[in-house]
C-alpha atoms as a PDB file:
ATOM      1  CA  MET A   1     -34.067 -52.685  25.885  1.00  0.00           C
ATOM      2  CA  LYS A   2     -35.303 -50.449  23.075  1.00  0.00           C
ATOM      3  CA  ARG A   3     -34.800 -47.338  25.190  1.00  0.00           C
ATOM      4  CA  LYS A   4     -31.268 -48.409  25.974  1.00  0.00           C
ATOM      5  CA  GLY A   5     -30.580 -48.904  22.260  1.00  0.00           C
ATOM      6  CA  ASN A   6     -31.930 -45.440  21.427  1.00  0.00           C
ATOM      7  CA  LYS A   7     -29.794 -43.941  24.173  1.00  0.00           C
ATOM      8  CA  ILE A   8     -26.681 -45.609  22.787  1.00  0.00           C
ATOM      9  CA  LYS A   9     -27.518 -44.321  19.295  1.00  0.00           C
ATOM     10  CA  THR A  10     -28.028 -40.819  20.651  1.00  0.00           C
ATOM     11  CA  ILE A  11     -24.648 -40.886  22.436  1.00  0.00           C
ATOM     12  CA  PHE A  12     -22.984 -42.253  19.293  1.00  0.00           C
ATOM     13  CA  PHE A  13     -24.392 -39.488  17.078  1.00  0.00           C
ATOM     14  CA  MET A  14     -23.437 -36.846  19.650  1.00  0.00           C
ATOM     15  CA  LEU A  15     -19.855 -38.138  19.742  1.00  0.00           C
ATOM     16  CA  PHE A  16     -19.799 -38.297  15.938  1.00  0.00           C
ATOM     17  CA  ALA A  17     -21.055 -34.694  15.709  1.00  0.00           C
ATOM     18  CA  ILE A  18     -18.406 -33.532  18.186  1.00  0.00           C
ATOM     19  CA  CYS A  19     -15.681 -35.303  16.193  1.00  0.00           C
ATOM     20  CA  MET A  20     -16.894 -33.722  12.943  1.00  0.00           C
ATOM     21  CA  MET A  21     -16.992 -30.260  14.509  1.00  0.00           C
ATOM     22  CA  THR A  22     -13.453 -30.763  15.828  1.00  0.00           C
ATOM     23  CA  VAL A  23     -12.221 -31.824  12.379  1.00  0.00           C
ATOM     24  CA  LEU A  24     -13.964 -28.893  10.662  1.00  0.00           C
ATOM     25  CA  LEU A  25     -12.648 -26.448  13.252  1.00  0.00           C
ATOM     26  CA  HIS A  26      -9.133 -27.837  12.840  1.00  0.00           C
ATOM     27  CA  ASP A  27      -9.344 -27.548   9.050  1.00  0.00           C
ATOM     28  CA  SER A  28     -10.671 -24.005   9.375  1.00  0.00           C
ATOM     29  CA  VAL A  29      -7.851 -22.946  11.703  1.00  0.00           C
ATOM     30  CA  SER A  30      -5.256 -24.713   9.517  1.00  0.00           C
ATOM     31  CA  ALA A  31      -6.584 -23.034   6.360  1.00  0.00           C
ATOM     32  CA  ALA A  32      -6.388 -19.651   8.059  1.00  0.00           C
ATOM     33  CA  ASN A  33      -2.692 -20.260   8.852  1.00  0.00           C
ATOM     34  CA  VAL A  34      -1.763 -21.267   5.309  1.00  0.00           C
ATOM     35  CA  LYS A  35      -0.020 -18.457   3.398  1.00  0.00           C
ATOM     36  CA  LEU A  36       2.898 -17.653   1.128  1.00  0.00           C
ATOM     37  CA  ASN A  37       6.097 -16.349   2.694  1.00  0.00           C
ATOM     38  CA  ARG A  38       5.775 -13.271   0.452  1.00  0.00           C
ATOM     39  CA  THR A  39       2.838 -11.571  -1.265  1.00  0.00           C
ATOM     40  CA  GLN A  40       5.067  -9.350  -3.386  1.00  0.00           C
ATOM     41  CA  VAL A  41       8.742  -9.335  -4.245  1.00  0.00           C
ATOM     42  CA  GLN A  42      11.171  -7.497  -6.524  1.00  0.00           C
ATOM     43  CA  ILE A  43      13.769  -9.614  -8.340  1.00  0.00           C
ATOM     44  CA  VAL A  44      16.638  -8.499 -10.535  1.00  0.00           C
ATOM     45  CA  ARG A  45      16.499  -9.939 -14.043  1.00  0.00           C
ATOM     46  CA  GLY A  46      18.460 -13.199 -14.141  1.00  0.00           C
ATOM     47  CA  ASP A  47      18.222 -13.779 -10.384  1.00  0.00           C
ATOM     48  CA  THR A  48      16.042 -16.267  -8.495  1.00  0.00           C
ATOM     49  CA  TYR A  49      13.910 -16.147  -5.371  1.00  0.00           C
ATOM     50  CA  ARG A  50      12.475 -18.955  -3.254  1.00  0.00           C
ATOM     51  CA  LEU A  51       8.767 -18.874  -2.408  1.00  0.00           C
ATOM     52  CA  TYR A  52       7.181 -21.373  -0.053  1.00  0.00           C
ATOM     53  CA  VAL A  53       3.810 -21.997   1.565  1.00  0.00           C
ATOM     54  CA  LYS A  54       3.593 -21.757   5.344  1.00  0.00           C
ATOM     55  CA  GLY A  55       1.210 -23.699   7.562  1.00  0.00           C
ATOM     56  CA  THR A  56       0.759 -26.853   5.490  1.00  0.00           C
ATOM     57  CA  THR A  57       2.562 -29.978   4.369  1.00  0.00           C
ATOM     58  CA  ALA A  58       0.119 -30.583   1.521  1.00  0.00           C
ATOM     59  CA  LYS A  59       1.306 -30.755  -2.071  1.00  0.00           C
ATOM     60  CA  VAL A  60       1.656 -27.359  -3.765  1.00  0.00           C
ATOM     61  CA  LYS A  61       1.012 -26.732  -7.440  1.00  0.00           C
ATOM     62  CA  TRP A  62       2.938 -23.716  -8.764  1.00  0.00           C
ATOM     63  CA  SER A  63       2.163 -21.564 -11.812  1.00  0.00           C
ATOM     64  CA  SER A  64       2.992 -18.183 -13.354  1.00  0.00           C
ATOM     65  CA  SER A  65       0.666 -15.692 -15.020  1.00  0.00           C
ATOM     66  CA  ASN A  66       3.418 -14.809 -17.501  1.00  0.00           C
ATOM     67  CA  VAL A  67       6.325 -17.214 -18.051  1.00  0.00           C
ATOM     68  CA  LYS A  68       8.050 -14.636 -20.282  1.00  0.00           C
ATOM     69  CA  ILE A  69       8.477 -12.436 -17.195  1.00  0.00           C
ATOM     70  CA  ALA A  70       9.003 -15.036 -14.471  1.00  0.00           C
ATOM     71  CA  THR A  71       8.910 -18.821 -14.258  1.00  0.00           C
ATOM     72  CA  VAL A  72       8.438 -21.001 -11.178  1.00  0.00           C
ATOM     73  CA  SER A  73       9.433 -24.570 -10.337  1.00  0.00           C
ATOM     74  CA  ASN A  74       8.813 -26.027  -6.878  1.00  0.00           C
ATOM     75  CA  GLY A  75       8.660 -22.495  -5.511  1.00  0.00           C
ATOM     76  CA  LYS A  76      11.903 -21.309  -7.145  1.00  0.00           C
ATOM     77  CA  VAL A  77      11.079 -18.167  -9.131  1.00  0.00           C
ATOM     78  CA  THR A  78      13.403 -17.170 -11.968  1.00  0.00           C
ATOM     79  CA  ALA A  79      13.274 -13.595 -13.262  1.00  0.00           C
ATOM     80  CA  LYS A  80      13.339 -13.676 -17.066  1.00  0.00           C
ATOM     81  CA  LYS A  81      12.386 -10.251 -18.349  1.00  0.00           C
ATOM     82  CA  LYS A  82      11.550  -6.802 -17.038  1.00  0.00           C
ATOM     83  CA  GLY A  83       7.888  -6.610 -16.079  1.00  0.00           C
ATOM     84  CA  THR A  84       5.318  -7.985 -13.636  1.00  0.00           C
ATOM     85  CA  ALA A  85       3.922 -11.479 -13.193  1.00  0.00           C
ATOM     86  CA  ILE A  86       1.792 -13.201 -10.578  1.00  0.00           C
ATOM     87  CA  ILE A  87       3.088 -16.451  -9.109  1.00  0.00           C
ATOM     88  CA  TYR A  88       0.347 -18.771  -7.849  1.00  0.00           C
ATOM     89  CA  ALA A  89       0.596 -21.551  -5.286  1.00  0.00           C
ATOM     90  CA  LYS A  90      -2.439 -23.854  -5.258  1.00  0.00           C
ATOM     91  CA  VAL A  91      -3.000 -25.866  -2.083  1.00  0.00           C
ATOM     92  CA  ASN A  92      -6.071 -27.988  -1.334  1.00  0.00           C
ATOM     93  CA  GLY A  93      -8.030 -26.205  -4.045  1.00  0.00           C
ATOM     94  CA  LYS A  94      -7.161 -22.685  -2.838  1.00  0.00           C
ATOM     95  CA  LYS A  95      -4.807 -20.273  -4.639  1.00  0.00           C
ATOM     96  CA  TYR A  96      -2.272 -18.007  -2.958  1.00  0.00           C
ATOM     97  CA  ALA A  97      -0.634 -15.254  -5.000  1.00  0.00           C
ATOM     98  CA  CYS A  98       2.632 -13.324  -4.998  1.00  0.00           C
ATOM     99  CA  LYS A  99       3.211 -10.307  -7.233  1.00  0.00           C
ATOM    100  CA  VAL A 100       6.683 -10.532  -8.786  1.00  0.00           C
ATOM    101  CA  THR A 101       8.271  -7.416 -10.273  1.00  0.00           C
ATOM    102  CA  VAL A 102      11.333  -8.070 -12.421  1.00  0.00           C
ATOM    103  CA  VAL A 103      13.718  -5.125 -12.689  1.00  0.00           C
ATOM    104  CA  THR A 104      17.106  -4.432 -14.230  1.00  0.00           C
ATOM    105  CA  GLN A 105      20.212  -4.263 -12.038  1.00  0.00           C
ATOM    106  CA  GLN A 106      20.253  -0.503 -12.582  1.00  0.00           C
ATOM    107  CA  ARG A 107      16.671  -0.156 -11.347  1.00  0.00           C
ATOM    108  CA  ALA A 108      17.445  -2.278  -8.301  1.00  0.00           C
ATOM    109  CA  TYR A 109      20.453  -0.099  -7.473  1.00  0.00           C
ATOM    110  CA  ILE A 110      18.400   3.082  -7.825  1.00  0.00           C
ATOM    111  CA  ASP A 111      15.664   1.763  -5.545  1.00  0.00           C
ATOM    112  CA  THR A 112      18.177   0.524  -2.972  1.00  0.00           C
ATOM    113  CA  LEU A 113      20.068   3.812  -2.975  1.00  0.00           C
ATOM    114  CA  GLN A 114      16.921   5.851  -2.344  1.00  0.00           C
ATOM    115  CA  LYS A 115      15.743   3.390   0.298  1.00  0.00           C
ATOM    116  CA  GLN A 116      19.035   3.608   2.187  1.00  0.00           C
ATOM    117  CA  ILE A 117      19.010   7.420   2.045  1.00  0.00           C
ATOM    118  CA  ASN A 118      15.489   7.521   3.455  1.00  0.00           C
ATOM    119  CA  ILE A 119      16.438   5.055   6.191  1.00  0.00           C
ATOM    120  CA  GLN A 120      19.137   7.493   7.302  1.00  0.00           C
ATOM    121  CA  ARG A 121      16.716  10.418   7.199  1.00  0.00           C
ATOM    122  CA  ARG A 122      14.176   8.630   9.389  1.00  0.00           C
ATOM    123  CA  ARG A 123      16.969   7.593  11.732  1.00  0.00           C
ATOM    124  CA  TYR A 124      17.652  11.277  12.379  1.00  0.00           C
ATOM    125  CA  GLY A 125      13.981  12.213  12.683  1.00  0.00           C
ATOM    126  CA  PHE A 126      13.381  13.523   9.154  1.00  0.00           C
ATOM    127  CA  SER A 127      10.645  12.398   6.788  1.00  0.00           C
ATOM    128  CA  SER A 128      11.557  10.371   3.696  1.00  0.00           C
ATOM    129  CA  TYR A 129      12.387  12.149   0.445  1.00  0.00           C
ATOM    130  CA  ASP A 130       9.635  12.078  -2.173  1.00  0.00           C
ATOM    131  CA  LYS A 131      10.711  10.835  -5.593  1.00  0.00           C
ATOM    132  CA  ASN A 132      10.346  13.395  -8.380  1.00  0.00           C
ATOM    133  CA  SER A 133      10.406  12.317 -12.033  1.00  0.00           C
ATOM    134  CA  LEU A 134      12.133  15.489 -13.273  1.00  0.00           C
ATOM    135  CA  LEU A 135      14.871  15.174 -10.652  1.00  0.00           C
ATOM    136  CA  GLN A 136      15.107  11.496 -11.557  1.00  0.00           C
ATOM    137  CA  GLN A 137      15.775  12.352 -15.197  1.00  0.00           C
ATOM    138  CA  ALA A 138      18.381  14.929 -14.207  1.00  0.00           C
ATOM    139  CA  ALA A 139      20.136  12.529 -11.824  1.00  0.00           C
ATOM    140  CA  GLN A 140      20.300   9.792 -14.457  1.00  0.00           C
ATOM    141  CA  LYS A 141      21.731  12.270 -16.948  1.00  0.00           C
ATOM    142  CA  ARG A 142      24.323  13.335 -14.381  1.00  0.00           C
ATOM    143  CA  ALA A 143      25.288   9.748 -13.519  1.00  0.00           C
ATOM    144  CA  LYS A 144      26.099   9.130 -17.171  1.00  0.00           C
ATOM    145  CA  GLU A 145      28.050  12.408 -17.407  1.00  0.00           C
ATOM    146  CA  LEU A 146      30.131  11.443 -14.367  1.00  0.00           C
ATOM    147  CA  ALA A 147      31.617   8.586 -16.371  1.00  0.00           C
ATOM    148  CA  GLU A 148      32.938  11.199 -18.805  1.00  0.00           C
ATOM    149  CA  LYS A 149      33.934  13.807 -16.233  1.00  0.00           C
ATOM    150  CA  PHE A 150      33.755  13.089 -12.504  1.00  0.00           C
ATOM    151  CA  SER A 151      33.009  16.582 -11.272  1.00  0.00           C
ATOM    152  CA  HIS A 152      30.112  18.765 -10.158  1.00  0.00           C
ATOM    153  CA  ALA A 153      30.736  20.650 -13.384  1.00  0.00           C
ATOM    154  CA  ARG A 154      29.201  19.041 -16.451  1.00  0.00           C
ATOM    155  CA  PRO A 155      31.279  17.948 -19.482  1.00  0.00           C
ATOM    156  CA  ASN A 156      29.983  21.048 -21.304  1.00  0.00           C
ATOM    157  CA  GLY A 157      31.400  23.265 -18.548  1.00  0.00           C
ATOM    158  CA  TYR A 158      28.067  24.267 -17.028  1.00  0.00           C
ATOM    159  CA  SER A 159      27.039  23.659 -13.424  1.00  0.00           C
ATOM    160  CA  TRP A 160      25.493  20.291 -12.513  1.00  0.00           C
ATOM    161  CA  ALA A 161      22.257  22.158 -11.707  1.00  0.00           C
ATOM    162  CA  SER A 162      21.763  22.966 -15.392  1.00  0.00           C
ATOM    163  CA  ALA A 163      20.835  19.301 -15.880  1.00  0.00           C
ATOM    164  CA  ILE A 164      17.576  19.931 -14.021  1.00  0.00           C
ATOM    165  CA  SER A 165      14.676  20.670 -16.338  1.00  0.00           C
ATOM    166  CA  MET A 166      13.399  24.257 -16.376  1.00  0.00           C
ATOM    167  CA  ARG A 167       9.973  22.778 -15.607  1.00  0.00           C
ATOM    168  CA  TYR A 168      11.284  22.077 -12.103  1.00  0.00           C
ATOM    169  CA  ASN A 169      11.489  25.540 -10.576  1.00  0.00           C
ATOM    170  CA  PHE A 170      13.605  24.838  -7.520  1.00  0.00           C
ATOM    171  CA  GLU A 171      14.378  27.059  -4.561  1.00  0.00           C
ATOM    172  CA  LYS A 172      17.321  24.987  -3.317  1.00  0.00           C
ATOM    173  CA  ALA A 173      19.148  21.946  -4.666  1.00  0.00           C
ATOM    174  CA  SER A 174      22.258  19.882  -3.982  1.00  0.00           C
ATOM    175  CA  GLU A 175      24.057  17.045  -5.714  1.00  0.00           C
ATOM    176  CA  LEU A 176      25.792  13.974  -4.276  1.00  0.00           C
ATOM    177  CA  THR A 177      28.134  11.896  -6.437  1.00  0.00           C
ATOM    178  CA  ALA A 178      30.072   8.660  -6.107  1.00  0.00           C
ATOM    179  CA  ARG A 179      31.793   6.107  -8.341  1.00  0.00           C
ATOM    180  CA  TYR A 180      33.168   2.568  -8.412  1.00  0.00           C
ATOM    181  CA  TYR A 181      31.152   1.254  -5.451  1.00  0.00           C
ATOM    182  CA  THR A 182      29.430  -2.053  -6.219  1.00  0.00           C
ATOM    183  CA  ASP A 183      26.968  -1.842  -3.314  1.00  0.00           C
ATOM    184  CA  PRO A 184      24.551   1.120  -2.983  1.00  0.00           C
ATOM    185  CA  LYS A 185      24.604   0.669   0.812  1.00  0.00           C
ATOM    186  CA  GLU A 186      28.337   1.371   0.800  1.00  0.00           C
ATOM    187  CA  VAL A 187      27.699   4.536  -1.195  1.00  0.00           C
ATOM    188  CA  VAL A 188      25.305   5.877   1.437  1.00  0.00           C
ATOM    189  CA  ASN A 189      27.663   4.829   4.258  1.00  0.00           C
ATOM    190  CA  ALA A 190      30.461   6.786   2.571  1.00  0.00           C
ATOM    191  CA  TRP A 191      28.245   9.860   2.231  1.00  0.00           C
ATOM    192  CA  MET A 192      27.149   9.584   5.860  1.00  0.00           C
ATOM    193  CA  SER A 193      30.806   9.478   6.990  1.00  0.00           C
ATOM    194  CA  SER A 194      31.456  12.885   5.403  1.00  0.00           C
ATOM    195  CA  ALA A 195      30.017  15.951   7.144  1.00  0.00           C
ATOM    196  CA  SER A 196      29.343  17.836   3.896  1.00  0.00           C
ATOM    197  CA  THR A 197      27.408  15.038   2.151  1.00  0.00           C
ATOM    198  CA  LYS A 198      25.716  13.873   5.354  1.00  0.00           C
ATOM    199  CA  ALA A 199      24.287  17.388   5.725  1.00  0.00           C
ATOM    200  CA  LYS A 200      22.605  17.029   2.325  1.00  0.00           C
ATOM    201  CA  ILE A 201      21.013  13.698   3.247  1.00  0.00           C
ATOM    202  CA  ILE A 202      19.645  14.674   6.649  1.00  0.00           C
ATOM    203  CA  SER A 203      18.680  18.244   5.810  1.00  0.00           C
ATOM    204  CA  LYS A 204      15.252  19.815   6.238  1.00  0.00           C
ATOM    205  CA  ARG A 205      16.081  22.192   3.383  1.00  0.00           C
ATOM    206  CA  TYR A 206      15.117  19.547   0.795  1.00  0.00           C
ATOM    207  CA  ASN A 207      12.079  17.311   0.422  1.00  0.00           C
ATOM    208  CA  GLU A 208      12.381  15.714  -3.048  1.00  0.00           C
ATOM    209  CA  ILE A 209      14.923  13.437  -4.639  1.00  0.00           C
ATOM    210  CA  GLY A 210      16.158  12.029  -7.934  1.00  0.00           C
ATOM    211  CA  VAL A 211      18.556   9.082  -8.116  1.00  0.00           C
ATOM    212  CA  GLY A 212      20.704   8.040 -11.069  1.00  0.00           C
ATOM    213  CA  VAL A 213      23.017   5.054 -11.580  1.00  0.00           C
ATOM    214  CA  TYR A 214      25.122   4.442 -14.681  1.00  0.00           C
ATOM    215  CA  LEU A 215      27.227   1.415 -15.646  1.00  0.00           C
ATOM    216  CA  ASP A 216      29.941   2.265 -18.176  1.00  0.00           C
ATOM    217  CA  GLU A 217      31.478   0.019 -20.838  1.00  0.00           C
ATOM    218  CA  ASP A 218      34.270  -1.072 -18.483  1.00  0.00           C
ATOM    219  CA  GLY A 219      31.810  -2.171 -15.796  1.00  0.00           C
ATOM    220  CA  TYR A 220      32.292   0.787 -13.440  1.00  0.00           C
ATOM    221  CA  LEU A 221      29.307   2.257 -11.615  1.00  0.00           C
ATOM    222  CA  TYR A 222      28.592   5.964 -11.254  1.00  0.00           C
ATOM    223  CA  TYR A 223      26.039   7.403  -8.853  1.00  0.00           C
ATOM    224  CA  ALA A 224      24.306  10.787  -8.827  1.00  0.00           C
ATOM    225  CA  VAL A 225      21.676  11.967  -6.364  1.00  0.00           C
ATOM    226  CA  ILE A 226      19.898  15.311  -6.572  1.00  0.00           C
ATOM    227  CA  VAL A 227      17.911  16.609  -3.608  1.00  0.00           C
ATOM    228  CA  ALA A 228      15.844  19.768  -3.940  1.00  0.00           C
ATOM    229  CA  ARG A 229      12.852  21.833  -2.888  1.00  0.00           C
ATOM    230  CA  LYS A 230      10.533  23.666  -5.238  1.00  0.00           C
ATOM    231  CA  LYS A 231       9.822  27.374  -4.907  1.00  0.00           C
END
């Protein structure tokens, strides 16, 4: 009778151990599947973005590393001020993070414009343009000048190329301009529909880029892109 009782105990503990291993394995697999829908995101100041945690139905506690930059409530992130903040989602004692970069509308337009240009280049088998700070400064200067005089000639009468710093010793350079479009994607589509501007976007003659966007007092947008290659 004693042996039978020991045998029953042994079977019970074995079943208990199997159940515990199954639970632990399930928790381990579930924990591995838990993640945020984004680990980094760019948001225009004043806009919102929805973050959520995948792979769990457990309660999530949200927090921000800098509420002056971005706040969060139930996963809804609100961009307050230009800068960077980390949004945390705490689930079952573990933290998941998303880097939030808050930018101005102008910055967002510049980034989108360059991204769309590089998408077109890759589509035609060319490598993406590299961003150059000196070309960037020149393009921004030109975008502002276009609001005063929409021409490849500058308001002072000189060529657009004179806006490029002498520190950038270029071999070849071209300028693309546009105005009034409210969507940077439409700007690139318009350039791609014209043979002359399309040739500047998908050319192997240039390898660096500067992008400028200017919003005037009346709310009109002006775009200037400079592509070039150094000597």
